[in-house]
Protein backbone atom coordinates (compact mmCIF):
# COMPACT_ATOMS: atom_id res chain seq x y z
CA MET A 1 -114.81 -91.74 7.30
CA PHE A 2 -111.08 -91.04 7.01
CA GLY A 3 -110.90 -87.27 7.37
CA LYS A 4 -108.08 -87.61 9.90
CA THR A 5 -106.03 -89.62 7.40
CA ASN A 6 -106.52 -86.93 4.76
CA ALA A 7 -105.35 -84.35 7.30
CA SER A 8 -102.29 -86.50 8.07
CA SER A 9 -101.48 -86.71 4.37
CA VAL A 10 -101.67 -82.93 4.00
CA GLN A 11 -99.49 -82.42 7.10
CA LEU A 12 -96.83 -84.76 5.72
CA LEU A 13 -96.78 -82.97 2.38
CA ASN A 14 -96.63 -79.58 4.11
CA TRP A 15 -93.81 -80.84 6.30
CA CYS A 16 -91.90 -81.79 3.14
CA GLY A 17 -92.34 -78.26 1.80
CA TYR A 18 -95.30 -78.68 -0.54
CA ASP A 19 -98.34 -76.43 -0.75
CA VAL A 20 -101.55 -78.46 -0.88
CA VAL A 21 -104.78 -77.32 -2.49
CA THR A 22 -108.00 -79.33 -2.26
CA PRO A 23 -110.57 -78.25 -4.86
CA GLY A 24 -114.00 -78.23 -3.27
CA SER A 25 -115.74 -79.10 -6.54
CA GLN A 26 -113.86 -82.36 -7.13
CA GLY A 27 -115.98 -85.51 -7.04
CA CYS A 28 -115.83 -89.29 -6.91
CA CYS A 29 -112.96 -90.76 -8.94
CA GLY A 30 -115.33 -93.27 -10.54
CA ALA A 31 -113.51 -96.41 -9.41
CA LEU A 32 -116.52 -98.30 -8.10
CA TYR A 33 -118.51 -97.44 -11.22
CA ALA A 34 -115.65 -98.72 -13.41
CA HIS A 35 -115.23 -101.90 -11.35
CA GLY A 36 -118.96 -102.55 -11.59
CA GLY A 37 -118.97 -102.12 -15.38
CA ASN A 38 -120.77 -98.76 -15.44
CA LEU A 39 -118.16 -97.12 -17.68
CA LYS A 40 -120.53 -94.36 -18.77
CA ARG A 41 -120.78 -93.06 -15.19
CA ALA A 42 -117.05 -93.62 -14.60
CA ARG A 43 -116.25 -91.46 -17.64
CA GLU A 44 -118.57 -88.74 -16.39
CA CYS A 45 -116.63 -88.70 -13.10
CA ALA A 46 -113.35 -88.55 -15.01
CA ARG A 47 -114.40 -85.59 -17.16
CA ALA A 48 -115.71 -83.69 -14.14
CA ASN A 49 -112.47 -84.14 -12.19
CA ILE A 50 -110.22 -83.34 -15.14
CA GLU A 51 -112.08 -80.07 -15.68
CA VAL A 52 -111.65 -79.10 -12.03
CA PHE A 53 -107.97 -79.99 -11.63
CA GLU A 54 -106.64 -78.74 -14.95
CA LYS A 55 -107.56 -75.18 -13.93
CA LEU A 56 -104.86 -75.36 -11.24
CA ASP A 57 -101.10 -75.10 -11.66
CA LEU A 58 -100.15 -78.45 -10.11
CA ASP A 59 -96.93 -80.43 -9.94
CA ALA A 60 -98.78 -83.54 -8.85
CA ILE A 61 -102.19 -84.88 -7.93
CA ILE A 62 -101.61 -86.91 -4.78
CA ILE A 63 -103.88 -89.79 -3.81
CA ASN A 64 -103.84 -91.70 -0.51
CA ALA A 65 -106.33 -94.46 -1.40
CA ALA A 66 -104.91 -97.15 -3.66
CA GLY A 67 -108.22 -98.11 -5.28
CA CYS A 68 -108.93 -94.51 -6.25
CA GLY A 69 -105.37 -93.98 -7.44
CA SER A 70 -105.54 -96.91 -9.82
CA THR A 71 -108.57 -95.43 -11.59
CA LEU A 72 -107.24 -91.85 -11.56
CA LYS A 73 -104.07 -93.09 -13.28
CA GLU A 74 -106.24 -94.68 -15.96
CA TYR A 75 -108.29 -91.64 -16.99
CA GLY A 76 -106.38 -91.46 -20.27
CA HIS A 77 -107.24 -95.07 -21.02
CA LEU A 78 -110.83 -94.65 -19.83
CA LEU A 79 -111.35 -91.75 -22.26
CA HIS A 80 -109.12 -92.96 -25.11
CA ASP A 81 -112.05 -93.15 -27.58
CA ASP A 82 -113.22 -89.61 -26.83
CA PRO A 83 -111.37 -87.16 -29.14
CA GLN A 84 -112.30 -84.18 -26.98
CA TRP A 85 -111.09 -85.70 -23.71
CA ALA A 86 -108.46 -88.37 -24.44
CA GLU A 87 -105.42 -86.09 -24.39
CA ARG A 88 -106.72 -84.22 -21.35
CA GLY A 89 -107.19 -87.58 -19.64
CA TRP A 90 -103.59 -88.64 -20.32
CA GLN A 91 -102.28 -85.29 -19.09
CA PHE A 92 -104.30 -85.60 -15.88
CA SER A 93 -103.19 -89.20 -15.27
CA ALA A 94 -99.53 -88.28 -15.79
CA LYS A 95 -99.74 -86.06 -12.71
CA VAL A 96 -101.40 -88.62 -10.44
CA LYS A 97 -99.01 -89.99 -7.82
CA ASP A 98 -99.65 -92.23 -4.87
CA LEU A 99 -98.68 -90.58 -1.59
CA THR A 100 -95.95 -93.17 -1.03
CA GLU A 101 -94.45 -92.54 -4.49
CA TRP A 102 -94.19 -88.86 -3.73
CA LEU A 103 -92.96 -89.14 -0.14
CA ALA A 104 -90.33 -91.76 -1.03
CA LYS A 105 -88.46 -88.99 -2.85
CA SER A 106 -88.79 -86.55 0.03
CA GLU A 107 -87.18 -85.90 3.39
CA VAL A 108 -89.55 -88.21 5.26
CA ARG A 109 -87.43 -91.27 4.50
CA ASN A 110 -84.30 -89.49 5.78
CA GLN A 111 -85.84 -88.12 8.96
CA LYS A 112 -84.25 -89.14 12.25
CA SER A 113 -87.23 -89.82 14.44
CA GLU A 114 -87.57 -88.52 17.98
CA VAL A 115 -90.23 -91.18 18.59
CA LYS A 116 -88.91 -94.50 19.87
CA LEU A 117 -91.01 -97.42 18.72
CA SER A 118 -90.44 -100.87 20.19
CA ASN A 119 -93.47 -102.46 18.54
CA ARG A 120 -93.15 -104.79 15.58
CA VAL A 121 -94.65 -103.34 12.41
CA THR A 122 -95.84 -105.20 9.30
CA TYR A 123 -97.21 -104.00 5.96
CA HIS A 124 -100.17 -105.23 3.90
CA ASP A 125 -100.00 -104.53 0.16
CA ALA A 126 -103.28 -103.05 -1.03
CA CYS A 127 -104.14 -104.95 -4.23
CA HIS A 128 -104.56 -101.90 -6.45
CA LEU A 129 -101.26 -100.43 -5.29
CA ALA A 130 -99.24 -103.64 -5.64
CA HIS A 131 -100.69 -105.15 -8.82
CA PRO A 132 -101.90 -102.60 -11.41
CA LEU A 133 -99.65 -99.81 -10.07
CA ARG A 134 -96.69 -102.04 -9.05
CA ILE A 135 -95.90 -99.83 -6.06
CA THR A 136 -94.49 -102.14 -3.40
CA LYS A 137 -90.97 -100.89 -2.70
CA GLN A 138 -91.71 -97.29 -1.71
CA PRO A 139 -94.09 -97.99 1.21
CA ARG A 140 -91.62 -100.45 2.69
CA GLU A 141 -88.75 -97.98 2.29
CA LEU A 142 -90.74 -95.33 4.15
CA ILE A 143 -91.64 -97.68 7.00
CA ARG A 144 -88.15 -99.19 7.32
CA ALA A 145 -86.60 -95.72 7.31
CA VAL A 146 -88.32 -94.94 10.60
CA VAL A 147 -88.63 -98.30 12.37
CA GLY A 148 -85.56 -100.16 11.10
CA SER A 149 -85.32 -103.74 12.32
CA ASN A 150 -88.77 -103.53 13.93
CA PHE A 151 -90.27 -104.02 10.46
CA VAL A 152 -91.32 -107.59 9.71
CA GLU A 153 -92.57 -108.87 6.36
CA LEU A 154 -96.13 -110.17 6.21
CA PRO A 155 -96.52 -113.64 4.63
CA GLU A 156 -98.58 -113.40 1.43
CA SER A 157 -98.56 -109.64 1.84
CA ASP A 158 -99.90 -109.05 -1.67
CA VAL A 159 -102.80 -111.52 -1.39
CA CYS A 160 -106.18 -109.76 -1.20
CA CYS A 161 -107.66 -109.16 2.26
CA GLY A 162 -111.17 -109.65 0.86
CA SER A 163 -112.28 -106.03 0.71
CA ALA A 164 -111.66 -105.36 -3.00
CA GLY A 165 -113.98 -102.40 -3.43
CA SER A 166 -117.51 -103.82 -3.46
CA TYR A 167 -116.35 -107.46 -3.61
CA ASN A 168 -116.92 -108.00 0.11
CA LEU A 169 -120.56 -107.04 -0.45
CA THR A 170 -121.18 -109.02 -3.63
CA GLU A 171 -119.14 -112.12 -2.67
CA PRO A 172 -119.25 -112.17 1.16
CA GLU A 173 -118.31 -115.84 1.61
CA MET A 174 -115.12 -115.63 -0.45
CA ALA A 175 -114.33 -112.24 1.09
CA GLU A 176 -114.59 -113.78 4.55
CA ARG A 177 -112.24 -116.62 3.62
CA LEU A 178 -109.70 -114.14 2.31
CA GLN A 179 -110.12 -112.05 5.45
CA LYS A 180 -109.48 -115.07 7.68
CA ARG A 181 -106.38 -116.01 5.69
CA LYS A 182 -105.04 -112.45 5.97
CA ILE A 183 -105.61 -112.32 9.73
CA GLU A 184 -103.89 -115.69 10.24
CA ASN A 185 -100.84 -114.35 8.42
CA ILE A 186 -100.84 -111.14 10.45
CA LEU A 187 -100.93 -113.10 13.69
CA LYS A 188 -97.92 -115.14 12.53
CA THR A 189 -95.80 -111.98 12.44
CA ASP A 190 -96.42 -111.06 16.11
CA ALA A 191 -96.74 -107.49 14.87
CA GLN A 192 -98.53 -104.92 17.00
CA ILE A 193 -99.12 -102.53 14.09
CA VAL A 194 -100.35 -103.29 10.55
CA VAL A 195 -99.73 -100.50 8.05
CA THR A 196 -101.54 -100.29 4.71
CA THR A 197 -102.52 -97.72 2.08
CA ASN A 198 -106.21 -98.20 1.38
CA PRO A 199 -109.29 -97.47 3.51
CA GLY A 200 -111.14 -100.59 2.31
CA CYS A 201 -108.25 -102.78 3.43
CA MET A 202 -108.15 -101.02 6.78
CA LEU A 203 -111.82 -101.66 7.49
CA GLN A 204 -111.60 -105.29 6.36
CA ILE A 205 -108.50 -106.05 8.42
CA GLN A 206 -109.86 -104.25 11.50
CA ALA A 207 -113.06 -106.29 11.27
CA GLY A 208 -111.08 -109.50 10.88
CA LEU A 209 -108.88 -108.76 13.87
CA ALA A 210 -111.99 -108.04 15.96
CA LYS A 211 -113.45 -111.44 14.98
CA ALA A 212 -110.18 -113.07 16.00
CA GLY A 213 -110.18 -111.26 19.36
CA ALA A 214 -106.96 -109.44 18.45
CA THR A 215 -108.18 -105.89 18.94
CA GLU A 216 -104.85 -104.92 20.53
CA ILE A 217 -103.29 -104.90 17.06
CA LYS A 218 -103.52 -101.45 15.45
CA VAL A 219 -104.33 -101.02 11.77
CA MET A 220 -102.99 -97.72 10.45
CA HIS A 221 -102.92 -95.88 7.16
CA ILE A 222 -99.33 -95.14 6.18
CA SER A 223 -99.89 -91.37 6.38
CA ASP A 224 -101.13 -91.61 9.99
CA PHE A 225 -98.23 -93.92 10.81
CA LEU A 226 -95.55 -91.71 9.25
CA LEU A 227 -96.91 -88.62 10.97
CA LEU A 228 -95.70 -90.17 14.22
CA PHE A 229 -92.17 -89.65 12.98
CA ALA A 230 -92.37 -86.64 10.69
CA SER A 231 -92.54 -83.93 13.31
CA LYS A 232 -91.85 -83.37 16.98
CA GLU A 233 -94.99 -81.24 16.96
CA SER A 234 -97.22 -84.20 16.12
CA ASN A 235 -100.19 -84.59 18.44
CA PHE A 236 -100.73 -88.19 17.36
CA ASP A 237 -101.52 -90.43 20.30
CA SER A 238 -99.14 -93.39 19.97
C-alpha cells in the first residue's frame, strides 16, 4: 500500500550517501501478532528476520513505520528466554533505527531547500514512535529545518488517532472518538499538510479528514514530505 513511501525513504538515504539493501526474504516484523498476544508467532517472525539480516554487513536497519520499529527494537526482549536466539535478538535490535533518528544526523536537516512552501505544516506523533521509543524531537527538527516558521504544533499531538494497529477494528467506537478528536485538533491549526511517521496513522487521519469534509488537507509520511526538499531532481508533485 505504501510502496511509494518506501521508495522515498530509499531515495533520502541514497541522497545522504548510504547504500540501501532490501533483502527479498525478509518477512513480517511480528508486531500485530505480539499486540494480539500471539507471542509464539511473533517470535517465529523475529527469528526469521534475524537470520536474514545478520547475513549482511549492515550499519543500521532502517524502519519507516513506527509500529513495526517498536517491535523490531524489542526482538532481544521478545527472545530473552531463548538461549539460542536471545543474544542474536539484542544484536539485531541494536541496529534498528527509525528513519527520523537516522536522518536527523544527516545532511537532510542542513539542506537549503529550493522548494518554497507557503503552506502551514503540522506533525502528528505516532504512538509507537513517541511513547515506547520516545522519538519526538527528531521528526520536528527535520520538518522545521525545511519549513521554518511554517511549522505549527498540533494540540495533543501525542494522543492516539484511533488507528493503533488492529485497535480500530476491534474497538471501532472508541477508535472513531479518538479519530474525531484528532481531526478537531488538526483543524484548529489551520495546517494544509499533516506529517506523520506511520501508515496506520495516515489511513486513520485521511479517513477522518474525509468524514469532516476537509479533503484539501494533505496527510504525508515524513519521507515523502522530506523528499520535496532533499533534491532538485525530485519528481514529487507538490
